[in-house]
Amino acid sequence: MWLSCILFLLTLLPGLCGQHSFVPASHDSQPLRAEPRTKTEWILVEGDVEMDRLEALESAEQKARQALWERFSPTWKDRGGMLVPAERLDTDLEAWVTRHFEQLAPVQALPVQVFESSVGEAYRKSYRIQVAGPKAESFRRAGDARASALSGRFQKSFLLIVLMVSVLFWGASRMDRLTRGYLTWRIRLVSLVLAGMGIFVIYPHA
């Protein structure tokens, strides 16, 4: 009987030795999750092949500015709001892009290509533009800030116009009472003219 028990324990021993003891995992042993990175995307904008070097530079810059505008302007227009005229927003932002084109974060100028032709040298300028990535995001935020600032100026102008019109009509009503209704239409006409002049001066020049 004792021999049978000893043989039975010997058969169980390999299985017991093969089992792994449970050790609670510490926080340091957990795998680290990689933070998502912003995908970087570039596009190549090539200007026209021109016989004049300056015309080649202007052609490439114009196409690069157009590419930037088509990519980022929809977001900027949303920031402008309803009070800002669309033409005014476009003019302001396009002028900003034109003035600072060479210093814009997502714009990378490439060397001018020179081609030999039967009539002389020809030139073509190209730009690499980042349309997704940290530089593109920085440029988008800069445009958003400019559109928001323009919207804020127009909101202040609108409030100023409302205040001016309110004061004019209050003054017209006061004058009508003092004159006992003898100059009602003249007072109203003068008030409307002054209100129109005020709107014309204040609102377009926000």
N, C-alpha and C. Protein backbone atom coordinates (compact mmCIF):
# COMPACT_ATOMS: atom_id res chain seq x y z
N MET A 1 0.84 -1.22 0.00
CA MET A 1 0.00 0.00 0.00
C MET A 1 0.86 1.25 0.00
N TRP A 2 1.88 1.23 0.89
CA TRP A 2 2.79 2.38 0.92
C TRP A 2 3.50 2.56 -0.42
N LEU A 3 3.84 1.44 -1.03
CA LEU A 3 4.51 1.51 -2.33
C LEU A 3 3.61 2.15 -3.38
N SER A 4 2.33 1.82 -3.32
CA SER A 4 1.37 2.40 -4.28
C SER A 4 1.26 3.91 -4.09
N CYS A 5 1.22 4.38 -2.83
CA CYS A 5 1.13 5.81 -2.55
C CYS A 5 2.35 6.54 -3.05
N ILE A 6 3.54 5.92 -2.84
CA ILE A 6 4.78 6.56 -3.30
C ILE A 6 4.79 6.69 -4.81
N LEU A 7 4.35 5.64 -5.52
CA LEU A 7 4.31 5.69 -6.99
C LEU A 7 3.32 6.74 -7.50
N PHE A 8 2.19 6.88 -6.78
CA PHE A 8 1.18 7.87 -7.18
C PHE A 8 1.71 9.29 -7.03
N LEU A 9 2.42 9.57 -5.94
CA LEU A 9 3.01 10.89 -5.73
C LEU A 9 4.07 11.19 -6.76
N LEU A 10 4.85 10.16 -7.16
CA LEU A 10 5.87 10.37 -8.17
C LEU A 10 5.27 10.74 -9.51
N THR A 11 4.10 10.20 -9.82
CA THR A 11 3.44 10.56 -11.09
C THR A 11 2.90 11.99 -11.07
N LEU A 12 2.51 12.50 -9.90
CA LEU A 12 2.00 13.87 -9.80
C LEU A 12 3.09 14.92 -9.71
N LEU A 13 4.29 14.54 -9.32
CA LEU A 13 5.37 15.49 -9.07
C LEU A 13 5.76 16.33 -10.29
N PRO A 14 5.91 15.75 -11.50
CA PRO A 14 6.27 16.58 -12.67
C PRO A 14 5.25 17.65 -12.97
N GLY A 15 3.95 17.30 -12.81
CA GLY A 15 2.91 18.28 -13.08
C GLY A 15 2.93 19.44 -12.10
N LEU A 16 3.19 19.12 -10.82
CA LEU A 16 3.25 20.17 -9.82
C LEU A 16 4.43 21.10 -10.03
N CYS A 17 5.56 20.51 -10.42
CA CYS A 17 6.76 21.34 -10.67
C CYS A 17 6.60 22.22 -11.90
N GLY A 18 5.80 21.77 -12.88
CA GLY A 18 5.64 22.55 -14.12
C GLY A 18 4.71 23.73 -13.98
N GLN A 19 3.90 23.78 -12.90
CA GLN A 19 2.96 24.88 -12.74
C GLN A 19 3.70 26.16 -12.36
N HIS A 20 3.23 27.31 -12.88
CA HIS A 20 3.84 28.61 -12.60
C HIS A 20 3.08 29.28 -11.47
N SER A 21 3.83 29.83 -10.58
CA SER A 21 3.19 30.56 -9.48
C SER A 21 2.69 31.90 -9.99
N PHE A 22 1.59 32.42 -9.45
CA PHE A 22 0.97 33.68 -9.88
C PHE A 22 1.64 34.83 -9.15
N VAL A 23 2.15 35.79 -9.91
CA VAL A 23 2.78 36.98 -9.35
C VAL A 23 2.04 38.19 -9.88
N PRO A 24 1.44 39.01 -8.99
CA PRO A 24 0.71 40.18 -9.48
C PRO A 24 1.63 41.10 -10.26
N ALA A 25 1.15 41.55 -11.40
CA ALA A 25 1.97 42.43 -12.26
C ALA A 25 1.96 43.83 -11.68
N SER A 26 3.11 44.43 -11.64
CA SER A 26 3.22 45.80 -11.15
C SER A 26 2.88 46.76 -12.29
N HIS A 27 2.68 48.03 -11.91
CA HIS A 27 2.36 49.04 -12.93
C HIS A 27 3.51 49.24 -13.90
N ASP A 28 4.75 49.04 -13.42
CA ASP A 28 5.90 49.25 -14.29
C ASP A 28 6.01 48.20 -15.39
N SER A 29 5.43 47.01 -15.13
CA SER A 29 5.56 45.94 -16.11
C SER A 29 4.54 46.03 -17.22
N GLN A 30 3.54 46.94 -17.09
CA GLN A 30 2.52 47.06 -18.12
C GLN A 30 3.11 47.76 -19.34
N PRO A 31 2.74 47.32 -20.54
CA PRO A 31 3.29 47.96 -21.76
C PRO A 31 2.81 49.40 -21.89
N LEU A 32 3.68 50.28 -22.33
CA LEU A 32 3.34 51.68 -22.52
C LEU A 32 2.63 51.86 -23.85
N ARG A 33 1.58 52.66 -23.84
CA ARG A 33 0.83 52.94 -25.07
C ARG A 33 1.45 54.14 -25.76
N ALA A 34 1.75 53.96 -27.00
CA ALA A 34 2.35 55.05 -27.78
C ALA A 34 1.28 56.09 -28.09
N GLU A 35 1.60 57.35 -27.85
CA GLU A 35 0.67 58.42 -28.16
C GLU A 35 0.55 58.58 -29.67
N PRO A 36 -0.69 58.82 -30.16
CA PRO A 36 -0.87 58.98 -31.60
C PRO A 36 -0.13 60.21 -32.12
N ARG A 37 0.57 60.05 -33.20
CA ARG A 37 1.31 61.14 -33.80
C ARG A 37 0.51 61.74 -34.96
N THR A 38 0.68 63.04 -35.11
CA THR A 38 0.01 63.72 -36.21
C THR A 38 0.64 63.31 -37.54
N LYS A 39 -0.17 62.87 -38.45
CA LYS A 39 0.34 62.44 -39.75
C LYS A 39 0.82 63.65 -40.53
N THR A 40 2.03 63.55 -41.06
CA THR A 40 2.60 64.63 -41.85
C THR A 40 2.41 64.34 -43.33
N GLU A 41 1.90 65.33 -44.04
CA GLU A 41 1.63 65.16 -45.47
C GLU A 41 2.09 66.41 -46.21
N TRP A 42 2.83 66.20 -47.28
CA TRP A 42 3.34 67.29 -48.11
C TRP A 42 2.79 67.15 -49.53
N ILE A 43 2.65 68.28 -50.19
CA ILE A 43 2.32 68.28 -51.61
C ILE A 43 3.37 69.12 -52.34
N LEU A 44 3.57 68.80 -53.60
CA LEU A 44 4.53 69.52 -54.43
C LEU A 44 3.77 70.41 -55.41
N VAL A 45 4.09 71.69 -55.38
CA VAL A 45 3.47 72.66 -56.28
C VAL A 45 4.55 73.19 -57.22
N GLU A 46 4.36 72.97 -58.51
CA GLU A 46 5.33 73.40 -59.50
C GLU A 46 4.77 74.55 -60.33
N GLY A 47 5.59 75.56 -60.54
CA GLY A 47 5.19 76.67 -61.37
C GLY A 47 5.35 76.33 -62.85
N ASP A 48 4.99 77.28 -63.68
CA ASP A 48 5.13 77.09 -65.13
C ASP A 48 6.59 77.25 -65.54
N VAL A 49 6.93 76.61 -66.64
CA VAL A 49 8.26 76.79 -67.22
C VAL A 49 8.26 78.10 -67.99
N GLU A 50 9.11 79.02 -67.57
CA GLU A 50 9.16 80.35 -68.17
C GLU A 50 10.57 80.66 -68.66
N MET A 51 10.66 81.49 -69.69
CA MET A 51 11.96 81.91 -70.18
C MET A 51 12.57 82.98 -69.28
N ASP A 52 11.71 83.69 -68.56
CA ASP A 52 12.19 84.72 -67.65
C ASP A 52 12.18 84.16 -66.22
N ARG A 53 13.27 84.36 -65.50
CA ARG A 53 13.40 83.80 -64.16
C ARG A 53 12.36 84.40 -63.19
N LEU A 54 12.14 85.70 -63.27
CA LEU A 54 11.20 86.37 -62.39
C LEU A 54 9.78 85.86 -62.63
N GLU A 55 9.42 85.67 -63.89
CA GLU A 55 8.08 85.15 -64.20
C GLU A 55 7.91 83.73 -63.68
N ALA A 56 8.96 82.94 -63.69
CA ALA A 56 8.90 81.58 -63.15
C ALA A 56 8.66 81.61 -61.64
N LEU A 57 9.32 82.55 -60.96
CA LEU A 57 9.13 82.69 -59.52
C LEU A 57 7.71 83.13 -59.20
N GLU A 58 7.20 84.09 -59.94
CA GLU A 58 5.84 84.59 -59.70
C GLU A 58 4.80 83.51 -59.99
N SER A 59 5.02 82.72 -61.02
CA SER A 59 4.08 81.66 -61.36
C SER A 59 4.00 80.62 -60.24
N ALA A 60 5.15 80.22 -59.72
CA ALA A 60 5.16 79.21 -58.66
C ALA A 60 4.54 79.74 -57.38
N GLU A 61 4.84 80.98 -57.04
CA GLU A 61 4.29 81.55 -55.81
C GLU A 61 2.77 81.68 -55.90
N GLN A 62 2.29 82.10 -57.06
CA GLN A 62 0.84 82.23 -57.24
C GLN A 62 0.14 80.88 -57.07
N LYS A 63 0.70 79.83 -57.65
CA LYS A 63 0.09 78.50 -57.52
C LYS A 63 0.19 77.99 -56.08
N ALA A 64 1.28 78.29 -55.41
CA ALA A 64 1.44 77.85 -54.02
C ALA A 64 0.44 78.57 -53.12
N ARG A 65 0.26 79.87 -53.33
CA ARG A 65 -0.73 80.61 -52.53
C ARG A 65 -2.13 80.08 -52.78
N GLN A 66 -2.43 79.75 -54.02
CA GLN A 66 -3.74 79.19 -54.35
C GLN A 66 -3.95 77.84 -53.67
N ALA A 67 -2.90 77.02 -53.63
CA ALA A 67 -3.00 75.72 -52.96
C ALA A 67 -3.24 75.89 -51.46
N LEU A 68 -2.56 76.84 -50.85
CA LEU A 68 -2.77 77.12 -49.43
C LEU A 68 -4.19 77.60 -49.17
N TRP A 69 -4.67 78.47 -50.03
CA TRP A 69 -6.01 79.04 -49.85
C TRP A 69 -7.08 77.95 -49.97
N GLU A 70 -6.95 77.11 -50.98
CA GLU A 70 -7.95 76.06 -51.18
C GLU A 70 -7.96 75.07 -50.01
N ARG A 71 -6.80 74.87 -49.39
CA ARG A 71 -6.69 73.89 -48.31
C ARG A 71 -7.21 74.44 -46.99
N PHE A 72 -6.90 75.70 -46.67
CA PHE A 72 -7.16 76.21 -45.32
C PHE A 72 -8.29 77.23 -45.24
N SER A 73 -8.69 77.86 -46.33
CA SER A 73 -9.68 78.93 -46.25
C SER A 73 -11.06 78.49 -45.75
N PRO A 74 -11.54 77.27 -46.03
CA PRO A 74 -12.86 76.91 -45.49
C PRO A 74 -12.94 77.01 -43.97
N THR A 75 -11.88 76.61 -43.28
CA THR A 75 -11.87 76.71 -41.82
C THR A 75 -11.86 78.17 -41.39
N TRP A 76 -11.07 78.99 -42.07
CA TRP A 76 -11.00 80.41 -41.70
C TRP A 76 -12.33 81.12 -41.93
N LYS A 77 -13.04 80.76 -42.98
CA LYS A 77 -14.32 81.41 -43.26
C LYS A 77 -15.35 81.07 -42.19
N ASP A 78 -15.27 79.89 -41.62
CA ASP A 78 -16.17 79.55 -40.52
C ASP A 78 -15.90 80.41 -39.30
N ARG A 79 -14.64 80.78 -39.10
CA ARG A 79 -14.28 81.62 -37.97
C ARG A 79 -14.75 83.05 -38.15
N GLY A 80 -14.94 83.46 -39.40
CA GLY A 80 -15.32 84.84 -39.66
C GLY A 80 -16.69 85.21 -39.14
N GLY A 81 -17.62 84.26 -39.16
CA GLY A 81 -18.96 84.54 -38.67
C GLY A 81 -19.83 85.23 -39.71
N MET A 82 -21.03 85.58 -39.28
CA MET A 82 -22.03 86.14 -40.20
C MET A 82 -21.86 87.64 -40.43
N LEU A 83 -21.25 88.34 -39.48
CA LEU A 83 -21.18 89.79 -39.58
C LEU A 83 -20.08 90.27 -40.52
N VAL A 84 -19.08 89.44 -40.77
CA VAL A 84 -17.96 89.84 -41.61
C VAL A 84 -18.32 89.58 -43.07
N PRO A 85 -18.27 90.60 -43.93
CA PRO A 85 -18.53 90.35 -45.36
C PRO A 85 -17.50 89.37 -45.92
N ALA A 86 -17.98 88.46 -46.77
CA ALA A 86 -17.10 87.42 -47.32
C ALA A 86 -15.94 88.03 -48.10
N GLU A 87 -16.21 89.08 -48.86
CA GLU A 87 -15.15 89.71 -49.64
C GLU A 87 -14.09 90.33 -48.75
N ARG A 88 -14.53 90.93 -47.63
CA ARG A 88 -13.56 91.55 -46.72
C ARG A 88 -12.68 90.49 -46.07
N LEU A 89 -13.27 89.37 -45.69
CA LEU A 89 -12.48 88.30 -45.08
C LEU A 89 -11.47 87.73 -46.07
N ASP A 90 -11.92 87.50 -47.31
CA ASP A 90 -11.02 86.96 -48.33
C ASP A 90 -9.87 87.93 -48.60
N THR A 91 -10.20 89.21 -48.72
CA THR A 91 -9.16 90.20 -49.02
C THR A 91 -8.13 90.28 -47.91
N ASP A 92 -8.59 90.27 -46.67
CA ASP A 92 -7.68 90.40 -45.53
C ASP A 92 -6.76 89.19 -45.42
N LEU A 93 -7.32 88.00 -45.53
CA LEU A 93 -6.51 86.79 -45.37
C LEU A 93 -5.57 86.57 -46.56
N GLU A 94 -6.05 86.86 -47.76
CA GLU A 94 -5.18 86.71 -48.94
C GLU A 94 -4.02 87.69 -48.88
N ALA A 95 -4.28 88.91 -48.42
CA ALA A 95 -3.19 89.88 -48.28
C ALA A 95 -2.18 89.42 -47.23
N TRP A 96 -2.68 88.83 -46.15
CA TRP A 96 -1.79 88.31 -45.10
C TRP A 96 -0.90 87.19 -45.64
N VAL A 97 -1.49 86.26 -46.39
CA VAL A 97 -0.72 85.16 -46.97
C VAL A 97 0.32 85.69 -47.96
N THR A 98 -0.06 86.69 -48.76
CA THR A 98 0.85 87.24 -49.76
C THR A 98 2.03 87.95 -49.10
N ARG A 99 1.75 88.75 -48.06
CA ARG A 99 2.81 89.52 -47.41
C ARG A 99 3.84 88.62 -46.73
N HIS A 100 3.39 87.53 -46.14
CA HIS A 100 4.28 86.68 -45.33
C HIS A 100 4.52 85.33 -45.99
N PHE A 101 4.38 85.25 -47.31
CA PHE A 101 4.44 83.95 -47.97
C PHE A 101 5.73 83.21 -47.69
N GLU A 102 6.86 83.87 -47.85
CA GLU A 102 8.15 83.20 -47.69
C GLU A 102 8.40 82.76 -46.25
N GLN A 103 7.72 83.40 -45.27
CA GLN A 103 7.94 83.06 -43.86
C GLN A 103 6.87 82.11 -43.30
N LEU A 104 5.91 81.71 -44.12
CA LEU A 104 4.85 80.84 -43.63
C LEU A 104 5.40 79.47 -43.27
N ALA A 105 4.91 78.93 -42.14
CA ALA A 105 5.47 77.68 -41.60
C ALA A 105 5.39 76.50 -42.57
N PRO A 106 4.27 76.28 -43.27
CA PRO A 106 4.20 75.06 -44.09
C PRO A 106 4.85 75.17 -45.47
N VAL A 107 5.44 76.32 -45.80
CA VAL A 107 5.99 76.55 -47.14
C VAL A 107 7.49 76.27 -47.14
N GLN A 108 7.92 75.44 -48.06
CA GLN A 108 9.35 75.13 -48.21
C GLN A 108 9.72 75.33 -49.67
N ALA A 109 10.59 76.30 -49.91
CA ALA A 109 11.01 76.61 -51.29
C ALA A 109 12.06 75.62 -51.76
N LEU A 110 11.94 75.21 -53.00
CA LEU A 110 12.92 74.32 -53.62
C LEU A 110 13.77 75.10 -54.61
N PRO A 111 14.96 74.63 -54.92
CA PRO A 111 15.82 75.37 -55.86
C PRO A 111 15.15 75.51 -57.24
N VAL A 112 15.49 76.59 -57.90
CA VAL A 112 14.95 76.84 -59.23
C VAL A 112 15.58 75.86 -60.22
N GLN A 113 14.73 75.21 -61.01
CA GLN A 113 15.22 74.29 -62.04
C GLN A 113 15.53 75.08 -63.32
N VAL A 114 16.65 74.74 -63.92
CA VAL A 114 17.08 75.41 -65.15
C VAL A 114 17.09 74.39 -66.29
N PHE A 115 16.43 74.74 -67.38
CA PHE A 115 16.34 73.86 -68.54
C PHE A 115 17.01 74.54 -69.74
N GLU A 116 17.67 73.74 -70.53
CA GLU A 116 18.27 74.24 -71.76
C GLU A 116 17.30 74.01 -72.91
N SER A 117 17.08 75.04 -73.68
CA SER A 117 16.19 74.93 -74.83
C SER A 117 16.88 75.54 -76.05
N SER A 118 16.21 75.41 -77.17
CA SER A 118 16.79 75.92 -78.42
C SER A 118 16.86 77.44 -78.45
N VAL A 119 16.05 78.08 -77.59
CA VAL A 119 16.04 79.55 -77.58
C VAL A 119 16.72 80.10 -76.32
N GLY A 120 17.32 79.26 -75.54
CA GLY A 120 18.01 79.73 -74.34
C GLY A 120 17.57 78.97 -73.10
N GLU A 121 17.92 79.50 -71.95
CA GLU A 121 17.59 78.86 -70.68
C GLU A 121 16.14 79.13 -70.29
N ALA A 122 15.52 78.10 -69.73
CA ALA A 122 14.16 78.22 -69.20
C ALA A 122 14.20 77.85 -67.71
N TYR A 123 13.22 78.36 -66.95
CA TYR A 123 13.25 78.22 -65.50
C TYR A 123 11.90 77.71 -64.99
N ARG A 124 11.97 77.00 -63.87
CA ARG A 124 10.75 76.57 -63.18
C ARG A 124 11.03 76.52 -61.68
N LYS A 125 10.15 77.13 -60.91
CA LYS A 125 10.26 77.17 -59.46
C LYS A 125 9.22 76.24 -58.85
N SER A 126 9.57 75.58 -57.76
CA SER A 126 8.66 74.65 -57.09
C SER A 126 8.66 74.90 -55.58
N TYR A 127 7.56 74.51 -54.94
CA TYR A 127 7.43 74.62 -53.49
C TYR A 127 6.88 73.31 -52.93
N ARG A 128 7.38 72.94 -51.76
CA ARG A 128 6.77 71.86 -50.99
C ARG A 128 5.92 72.50 -49.90
N ILE A 129 4.67 72.05 -49.81
CA ILE A 129 3.74 72.63 -48.85
C ILE A 129 3.22 71.53 -47.94
N GLN A 130 3.32 71.74 -46.65
CA GLN A 130 2.80 70.78 -45.68
C GLN A 130 1.31 71.06 -45.47
N VAL A 131 0.48 70.11 -45.83
CA VAL A 131 -0.96 70.26 -45.69
C VAL A 131 -1.51 69.50 -44.49
N ALA A 132 -0.68 68.69 -43.85
CA ALA A 132 -1.07 67.99 -42.63
C ALA A 132 0.19 67.77 -41.81
N GLY A 133 0.11 68.10 -40.52
CA GLY A 133 1.28 67.99 -39.68
C GLY A 133 1.40 69.21 -38.77
N PRO A 134 2.46 69.29 -37.98
CA PRO A 134 2.59 70.39 -37.01
C PRO A 134 2.69 71.77 -37.66
N LYS A 135 3.42 71.90 -38.75
CA LYS A 135 3.55 73.20 -39.41
C LYS A 135 2.23 73.63 -40.04
N ALA A 136 1.53 72.68 -40.64
CA ALA A 136 0.23 73.00 -41.22
C ALA A 136 -0.76 73.40 -40.13
N GLU A 137 -0.72 72.73 -39.00
CA GLU A 137 -1.62 73.05 -37.90
C GLU A 137 -1.31 74.43 -37.33
N SER A 138 -0.03 74.77 -37.22
CA SER A 138 0.35 76.09 -36.74
C SER A 138 -0.13 77.18 -37.69
N PHE A 139 -0.01 76.93 -38.98
CA PHE A 139 -0.48 77.90 -39.98
C PHE A 139 -1.99 78.04 -39.92
N ARG A 140 -2.70 76.94 -39.76
CA ARG A 140 -4.16 77.00 -39.67
C ARG A 140 -4.62 77.80 -38.46
N ARG A 141 -3.95 77.59 -37.33
CA ARG A 141 -4.31 78.32 -36.11
C ARG A 141 -4.04 79.82 -36.27
N ALA A 142 -2.95 80.16 -36.96
CA ALA A 142 -2.65 81.57 -37.19
C ALA A 142 -3.74 82.23 -38.03
N GLY A 143 -4.21 81.53 -39.07
CA GLY A 143 -5.30 82.05 -39.88
C GLY A 143 -6.60 82.13 -39.10
N ASP A 144 -6.86 81.14 -38.24
CA ASP A 144 -8.06 81.17 -37.40
C ASP A 144 -8.04 82.39 -36.48
N ALA A 145 -6.87 82.67 -35.89
CA ALA A 145 -6.75 83.81 -34.99
C ALA A 145 -7.01 85.13 -35.73
N ARG A 146 -6.50 85.21 -36.95
CA ARG A 146 -6.70 86.44 -37.72
C ARG A 146 -8.18 86.61 -38.10
N ALA A 147 -8.82 85.52 -38.52
CA ALA A 147 -10.25 85.60 -38.86
C ALA A 147 -11.09 85.93 -37.64
N SER A 148 -10.74 85.35 -36.48
CA SER A 148 -11.47 85.63 -35.25
C SER A 148 -11.30 87.09 -34.83
N ALA A 149 -10.08 87.62 -34.99
CA ALA A 149 -9.84 89.03 -34.65
C ALA A 149 -10.66 89.95 -35.55
N LEU A 150 -10.73 89.63 -36.83
CA LEU A 150 -11.54 90.43 -37.76
C LEU A 150 -13.01 90.35 -37.39
N SER A 151 -13.48 89.17 -37.01
CA SER A 151 -14.86 89.00 -36.59
C SER A 151 -15.15 89.82 -35.34
N GLY A 152 -14.18 89.85 -34.41
CA GLY A 152 -14.36 90.65 -33.19
C GLY A 152 -14.49 92.13 -33.49
N ARG A 153 -13.70 92.62 -34.43
CA ARG A 153 -13.79 94.04 -34.80
C ARG A 153 -15.15 94.37 -35.41
N PHE A 154 -15.66 93.49 -36.24
CA PHE A 154 -16.97 93.75 -36.84
C PHE A 154 -18.08 93.65 -35.80
N GLN A 155 -17.94 92.77 -34.83
CA GLN A 155 -18.94 92.71 -33.76
C GLN A 155 -18.97 94.00 -32.95
N LYS A 156 -17.79 94.54 -32.64
CA LYS A 156 -17.73 95.81 -31.92
C LYS A 156 -18.33 96.93 -32.77
N SER A 157 -18.06 96.92 -34.07
CA SER A 157 -18.63 97.94 -34.94
C SER A 157 -20.15 97.83 -35.00
N PHE A 158 -20.65 96.60 -35.03
CA PHE A 158 -22.10 96.40 -35.06
C PHE A 158 -22.74 96.93 -33.78
N LEU A 159 -22.12 96.65 -32.62
CA LEU A 159 -22.65 97.15 -31.36
C LEU A 159 -22.60 98.68 -31.31
N LEU A 160 -21.53 99.25 -31.86
CA LEU A 160 -21.42 100.71 -31.90
C LEU A 160 -22.50 101.32 -32.78
N ILE A 161 -22.81 100.66 -33.89
CA ILE A 161 -23.87 101.15 -34.77
C ILE A 161 -25.22 101.08 -34.07
N VAL A 162 -25.48 99.98 -33.39
CA VAL A 162 -26.75 99.84 -32.65
C VAL A 162 -26.87 100.94 -31.60
N LEU A 163 -25.77 101.20 -30.88
CA LEU A 163 -25.79 102.25 -29.86
C LEU A 163 -26.02 103.62 -30.50
N MET A 164 -25.35 103.90 -31.62
CA MET A 164 -25.50 105.19 -32.29
C MET A 164 -26.93 105.39 -32.78
N VAL A 165 -27.50 104.36 -33.40
CA VAL A 165 -28.88 104.47 -33.91
C VAL A 165 -29.86 104.66 -32.76
N SER A 166 -29.63 103.96 -31.66
CA SER A 166 -30.51 104.12 -30.50
C SER A 166 -30.46 105.54 -29.96
N VAL A 167 -29.26 106.10 -29.86
CA VAL A 167 -29.11 107.48 -29.36
C VAL A 167 -29.76 108.47 -30.32
N LEU A 168 -29.59 108.25 -31.64
CA LEU A 168 -30.19 109.16 -32.62
C LEU A 168 -31.71 109.15 -32.54
N PHE A 169 -32.29 107.99 -32.43
CA PHE A 169 -33.76 107.92 -32.39
C PHE A 169 -34.30 108.40 -31.05
N TRP A 170 -33.52 108.19 -30.00
CA TRP A 170 -33.94 108.77 -28.71
C TRP A 170 -33.89 110.29 -28.79
N GLY A 171 -32.81 110.83 -29.40
CA GLY A 171 -32.71 112.28 -29.55
C GLY A 171 -33.79 112.83 -30.46
N ALA A 172 -34.13 112.07 -31.53
CA ALA A 172 -35.19 112.53 -32.42
C ALA A 172 -36.54 112.56 -31.70
N SER A 173 -36.79 111.55 -30.89
CA SER A 173 -38.05 111.53 -30.13
C SER A 173 -38.10 112.68 -29.13
N ARG A 174 -36.95 112.97 -28.53
CA ARG A 174 -36.89 114.08 -27.56
C ARG A 174 -37.12 115.41 -28.24
N MET A 175 -36.50 115.61 -29.40
CA MET A 175 -36.68 116.85 -30.14
C MET A 175 -38.12 117.00 -30.62
N ASP A 176 -38.74 115.89 -30.99
CA ASP A 176 -40.13 115.94 -31.45
C ASP A 176 -41.06 116.41 -30.33
N ARG A 177 -40.76 115.97 -29.11
CA ARG A 177 -41.58 116.42 -27.98
C ARG A 177 -41.36 117.89 -27.68
N LEU A 178 -40.09 118.32 -27.76
CA LEU A 178 -39.80 119.73 -27.47
C LEU A 178 -40.42 120.66 -28.50
N THR A 179 -40.47 120.21 -29.77
CA THR A 179 -41.06 121.05 -30.83
C THR A 179 -42.56 120.80 -30.98
N ARG A 180 -43.11 119.92 -30.15
CA ARG A 180 -44.55 119.64 -30.13
C ARG A 180 -45.08 119.16 -31.48
N GLY A 181 -44.24 118.41 -32.21
CA GLY A 181 -44.69 117.77 -33.44
C GLY A 181 -44.63 118.62 -34.67
N TYR A 182 -44.11 119.87 -34.56
CA TYR A 182 -44.07 120.74 -35.73
C TYR A 182 -42.96 120.33 -36.73
N LEU A 183 -41.90 119.70 -36.24
CA LEU A 183 -40.76 119.34 -37.10
C LEU A 183 -40.54 117.83 -37.15
N THR A 184 -41.62 117.09 -37.00
CA THR A 184 -41.49 115.63 -36.89
C THR A 184 -40.77 115.02 -38.09
N TRP A 185 -41.22 115.30 -39.29
CA TRP A 185 -40.64 114.67 -40.49
C TRP A 185 -39.22 115.16 -40.75
N ARG A 186 -38.96 116.42 -40.46
CA ARG A 186 -37.59 116.92 -40.63
C ARG A 186 -36.62 116.23 -39.65
N ILE A 187 -37.08 116.08 -38.43
CA ILE A 187 -36.23 115.43 -37.43
C ILE A 187 -35.97 113.98 -37.80
N ARG A 188 -37.00 113.30 -38.27
CA ARG A 188 -36.83 111.91 -38.69
C ARG A 188 -35.88 111.79 -39.88
N LEU A 189 -36.03 112.71 -40.83
CA LEU A 189 -35.16 112.67 -42.01
C LEU A 189 -33.71 112.90 -41.63
N VAL A 190 -33.46 113.88 -40.78
CA VAL A 190 -32.09 114.16 -40.34
C VAL A 190 -31.52 112.97 -39.57
N SER A 191 -32.34 112.33 -38.75
CA SER A 191 -31.88 111.18 -37.99
C SER A 191 -31.52 110.02 -38.90
N LEU A 192 -32.34 109.78 -39.92
CA LEU A 192 -32.05 108.70 -40.86
C LEU A 192 -30.77 108.98 -41.64
N VAL A 193 -30.57 110.25 -42.06
CA VAL A 193 -29.35 110.59 -42.79
C VAL A 193 -28.12 110.39 -41.91
N LEU A 194 -28.20 110.84 -40.66
CA LEU A 194 -27.06 110.68 -39.75
C LEU A 194 -26.79 109.20 -39.46
N ALA A 195 -27.85 108.42 -39.31
CA ALA A 195 -27.67 106.99 -39.07
C ALA A 195 -27.02 106.31 -40.27
N GLY A 196 -27.48 106.67 -41.49
CA GLY A 196 -26.88 106.08 -42.69
C GLY A 196 -25.42 106.46 -42.83
N MET A 197 -25.08 107.71 -42.55
CA MET A 197 -23.68 108.15 -42.63
C MET A 197 -22.82 107.41 -41.60
N GLY A 198 -23.38 107.25 -40.40
CA GLY A 198 -22.63 106.55 -39.36
C GLY A 198 -22.36 105.10 -39.73
N ILE A 199 -23.37 104.43 -40.28
CA ILE A 199 -23.18 103.04 -40.70
C ILE A 199 -22.16 102.94 -41.83
N PHE A 200 -22.23 103.88 -42.78
CA PHE A 200 -21.30 103.87 -43.91
C PHE A 200 -19.86 104.09 -43.45
N VAL A 201 -19.67 104.91 -42.43
CA VAL A 201 -18.32 105.22 -41.96
C VAL A 201 -17.78 104.12 -41.06
N ILE A 202 -18.63 103.57 -40.19
CA ILE A 202 -18.16 102.64 -39.16
C ILE A 202 -18.00 101.21 -39.70
N TYR A 203 -19.05 100.67 -40.31
CA TYR A 203 -19.07 99.24 -40.60
C TYR A 203 -18.04 98.79 -41.62
N PRO A 204 -17.89 99.45 -42.77
CA PRO A 204 -16.92 98.93 -43.76
C PRO A 204 -15.47 99.07 -43.30
N HIS A 205 -15.20 99.94 -42.34
CA HIS A 205 -13.82 100.19 -41.91
C HIS A 205 -13.50 99.51 -40.58
N ALA A 206 -14.21 98.44 -40.27
CA ALA A 206 -13.94 97.74 -39.01
C ALA A 206 -12.54 97.13 -39.04
